[in-house]
Every structure is written in C-alpha cells, then in structure tokens.
C-alpha cells in the first residue's frame, strides 16, 4: 500500500467552536468541491463530511464549524539555495 500524497490534493484546516486545536488534513477533492460541500452543510445544517487522501472520513457538525481554510500544499524546500 502506498502512502504517497496526491499531487492535486487540497490542504484543509477546519476550526471547531470551543476546541483549541483545529483539524488539518489533505483532501483529494478540488477547492471548488470542498467549498460546495461546506456551503451545503452550513445552509442545510447537516454535518460536513469530507475524506482525506488515505480514505478516512472527517465528519463535523455544521453548527460547530468556526471556519474552513482551503489551500494547496506547498513543496518543502531543502538545501542552502532554497529561497
């Protein structure tokens, strides 16, 4: 089984109300698909359900979502010339 990360995965961070830490994971969905899932969950007051790159599901009650941040993962730079 390979654990290689998908090249087109989106980095997702979800803040949960009254919880100090946030959920952070890579999602194989596009940013547009994630935005649409978040909007649908918030408008219908149903849980937000996303999956990560390893196939695990993340389920968050809509009323507990503080914010959702979506971005592309950045490549790590290694070496002295990495600016």
C-alpha atoms as a PDB file:
ATOM      1  CA  UNK A   1       0.000   0.000   0.000  1.00  0.00           C
ATOM      2  CA  UNK A   2       1.402   3.367  -0.998  1.00  0.00           C
ATOM      3  CA  UNK A   3       1.174   6.408   1.256  1.00  0.00           C
ATOM      4  CA  UNK A   4       2.364   8.834  -1.428  1.00  0.00           C
ATOM      5  CA  UNK A   5       0.402  12.059  -1.250  1.00  0.00           C
ATOM      6  CA  UNK A   6      -1.690  13.075  -4.216  1.00  0.00           C
ATOM      7  CA  UNK A   7      -0.219  15.892  -6.275  1.00  0.00           C
ATOM      8  CA  UNK A   8      -3.594  17.610  -6.648  1.00  0.00           C
ATOM      9  CA  UNK A   9      -4.752  17.282  -3.028  1.00  0.00           C
ATOM     10  CA  UNK A  10      -6.028  20.358  -1.219  1.00  0.00           C
ATOM     11  CA  UNK A  11      -4.885  21.224   2.282  1.00  0.00           C
ATOM     12  CA  UNK A  12      -7.936  21.742   4.545  1.00  0.00           C
ATOM     13  CA  UNK A  13      -8.000  23.287   8.015  1.00  0.00           C
ATOM     14  CA  UNK A  14     -11.250  23.338   9.991  1.00  0.00           C
ATOM     15  CA  UNK A  15     -11.689  25.258  13.222  1.00  0.00           C
ATOM     16  CA  UNK A  16     -14.177  23.749  15.661  1.00  0.00           C
ATOM     17  CA  UNK A  17     -16.069  26.078  18.023  1.00  0.00           C
ATOM     18  CA  UNK A  18     -14.923  25.725  21.679  1.00  0.00           C
ATOM     19  CA  UNK A  19     -11.969  23.479  20.737  1.00  0.00           C
ATOM     20  CA  UNK A  20      -8.424  24.881  20.958  1.00  0.00           C
ATOM     21  CA  UNK A  21      -6.904  22.831  18.146  1.00  0.00           C
ATOM     22  CA  UNK A  22      -8.061  22.583  14.555  1.00  0.00           C
ATOM     23  CA  UNK A  23      -8.463  19.708  12.111  1.00  0.00           C
ATOM     24  CA  UNK A  24      -5.843  19.713   9.389  1.00  0.00           C
ATOM     25  CA  UNK A  25      -5.676  17.180   6.567  1.00  0.00           C
ATOM     26  CA  UNK A  26      -5.167  16.767   2.836  1.00  0.00           C
ATOM     27  CA  UNK A  27      -8.324  16.185   0.828  1.00  0.00           C
ATOM     28  CA  UNK A  28      -8.321  14.721  -2.703  1.00  0.00           C
ATOM     29  CA  UNK A  29     -11.245  16.999  -3.679  1.00  0.00           C
ATOM     30  CA  UNK A  30     -10.747  20.272  -5.541  1.00  0.00           C
ATOM     31  CA  UNK A  31     -11.140  23.556  -3.642  1.00  0.00           C
ATOM     32  CA  UNK A  32     -14.424  24.168  -5.503  1.00  0.00           C
ATOM     33  CA  UNK A  33     -15.821  20.788  -4.400  1.00  0.00           C
ATOM     34  CA  UNK A  34     -14.807  21.492  -0.797  1.00  0.00           C
ATOM     35  CA  UNK A  35     -16.413  24.965  -0.883  1.00  0.00           C
ATOM     36  CA  UNK A  36     -19.625  23.496  -2.240  1.00  0.00           C
ATOM     37  CA  UNK A  37     -19.684  20.777   0.470  1.00  0.00           C
ATOM     38  CA  UNK A  38     -19.107  23.390   3.204  1.00  0.00           C
ATOM     39  CA  UNK A  39     -21.801  25.699   1.791  1.00  0.00           C
ATOM     40  CA  UNK A  40     -24.301  22.831   1.523  1.00  0.00           C
ATOM     41  CA  UNK A  41     -23.599  21.713   5.097  1.00  0.00           C
ATOM     42  CA  UNK A  42     -23.952  25.227   6.504  1.00  0.00           C
ATOM     43  CA  UNK A  43     -27.118  26.094   4.573  1.00  0.00           C
ATOM     44  CA  UNK A  44     -28.913  22.844   5.431  1.00  0.00           C
ATOM     45  CA  UNK A  45     -27.467  22.437   8.962  1.00  0.00           C
ATOM     46  CA  UNK A  46     -26.227  18.939   8.134  1.00  0.00           C
ATOM     47  CA  UNK A  47     -22.796  17.549   9.045  1.00  0.00           C
ATOM     48  CA  UNK A  48     -19.852  18.385   6.811  1.00  0.00           C
ATOM     49  CA  UNK A  49     -18.375  15.140   5.516  1.00  0.00           C
ATOM     50  CA  UNK A  50     -15.004  15.155   3.755  1.00  0.00           C
ATOM     51  CA  UNK A  51     -12.458  12.409   3.164  1.00  0.00           C
ATOM     52  CA  UNK A  52      -8.689  12.646   3.409  1.00  0.00           C
ATOM     53  CA  UNK A  53      -6.114  11.299   0.946  1.00  0.00           C
ATOM     54  CA  UNK A  54      -5.941   7.997   2.841  1.00  0.00           C
ATOM     55  CA  UNK A  55      -9.685   7.386   2.645  1.00  0.00           C
ATOM     56  CA  UNK A  56     -10.614   8.360   6.216  1.00  0.00           C
ATOM     57  CA  UNK A  57     -13.811  10.359   6.617  1.00  0.00           C
ATOM     58  CA  UNK A  58     -13.925  13.579   8.622  1.00  0.00           C
ATOM     59  CA  UNK A  59     -17.393  14.483   9.904  1.00  0.00           C
ATOM     60  CA  UNK A  60     -18.048  17.834  11.589  1.00  0.00           C
ATOM     61  CA  UNK A  61     -21.469  19.098  12.746  1.00  0.00           C
ATOM     62  CA  UNK A  62     -22.318  22.252  10.772  1.00  0.00           C
ATOM     63  CA  UNK A  63     -23.189  24.240  13.901  1.00  0.00           C
ATOM     64  CA  UNK A  64     -19.691  23.611  15.328  1.00  0.00           C
ATOM     65  CA  UNK A  65     -17.704  24.921  12.316  1.00  0.00           C
ATOM     66  CA  UNK A  66     -15.740  28.062  13.168  1.00  0.00           C
ATOM     67  CA  UNK A  67     -14.006  28.463   9.808  1.00  0.00           C
ATOM     68  CA  UNK A  68     -12.694  26.369   6.940  1.00  0.00           C
ATOM     69  CA  UNK A  69      -9.397  27.217   5.248  1.00  0.00           C
ATOM     70  CA  UNK A  70      -8.616  25.630   1.885  1.00  0.00           C
ATOM     71  CA  UNK A  71      -5.234  25.802   0.180  1.00  0.00           C
ATOM     72  CA  UNK A  72      -2.748  23.941  -1.925  1.00  0.00           C
ATOM     73  CA  UNK A  73       0.092  22.162  -0.101  1.00  0.00           C
ATOM     74  CA  UNK A  74       3.474  23.803  -0.564  1.00  0.00           C
ATOM     75  CA  UNK A  75       6.556  21.893  -1.572  1.00  0.00           C
ATOM     76  CA  UNK A  76       9.249  21.653   1.090  1.00  0.00           C
ATOM     77  CA  UNK A  77      12.447  23.334   0.104  1.00  0.00           C
ATOM     78  CA  UNK A  78      15.657  21.645   1.105  1.00  0.00           C
ATOM     79  CA  UNK A  79      19.197  22.965   0.948  1.00  0.00           C
ATOM     80  CA  UNK A  80      21.058  26.209   1.287  1.00  0.00           C
ATOM     81  CA  UNK A  81      19.854  27.688  -2.003  1.00  0.00           C
ATOM     82  CA  UNK A  82      16.147  27.284  -1.205  1.00  0.00           C
ATOM     83  CA  UNK A  83      14.715  30.815  -1.059  1.00  0.00           C
END
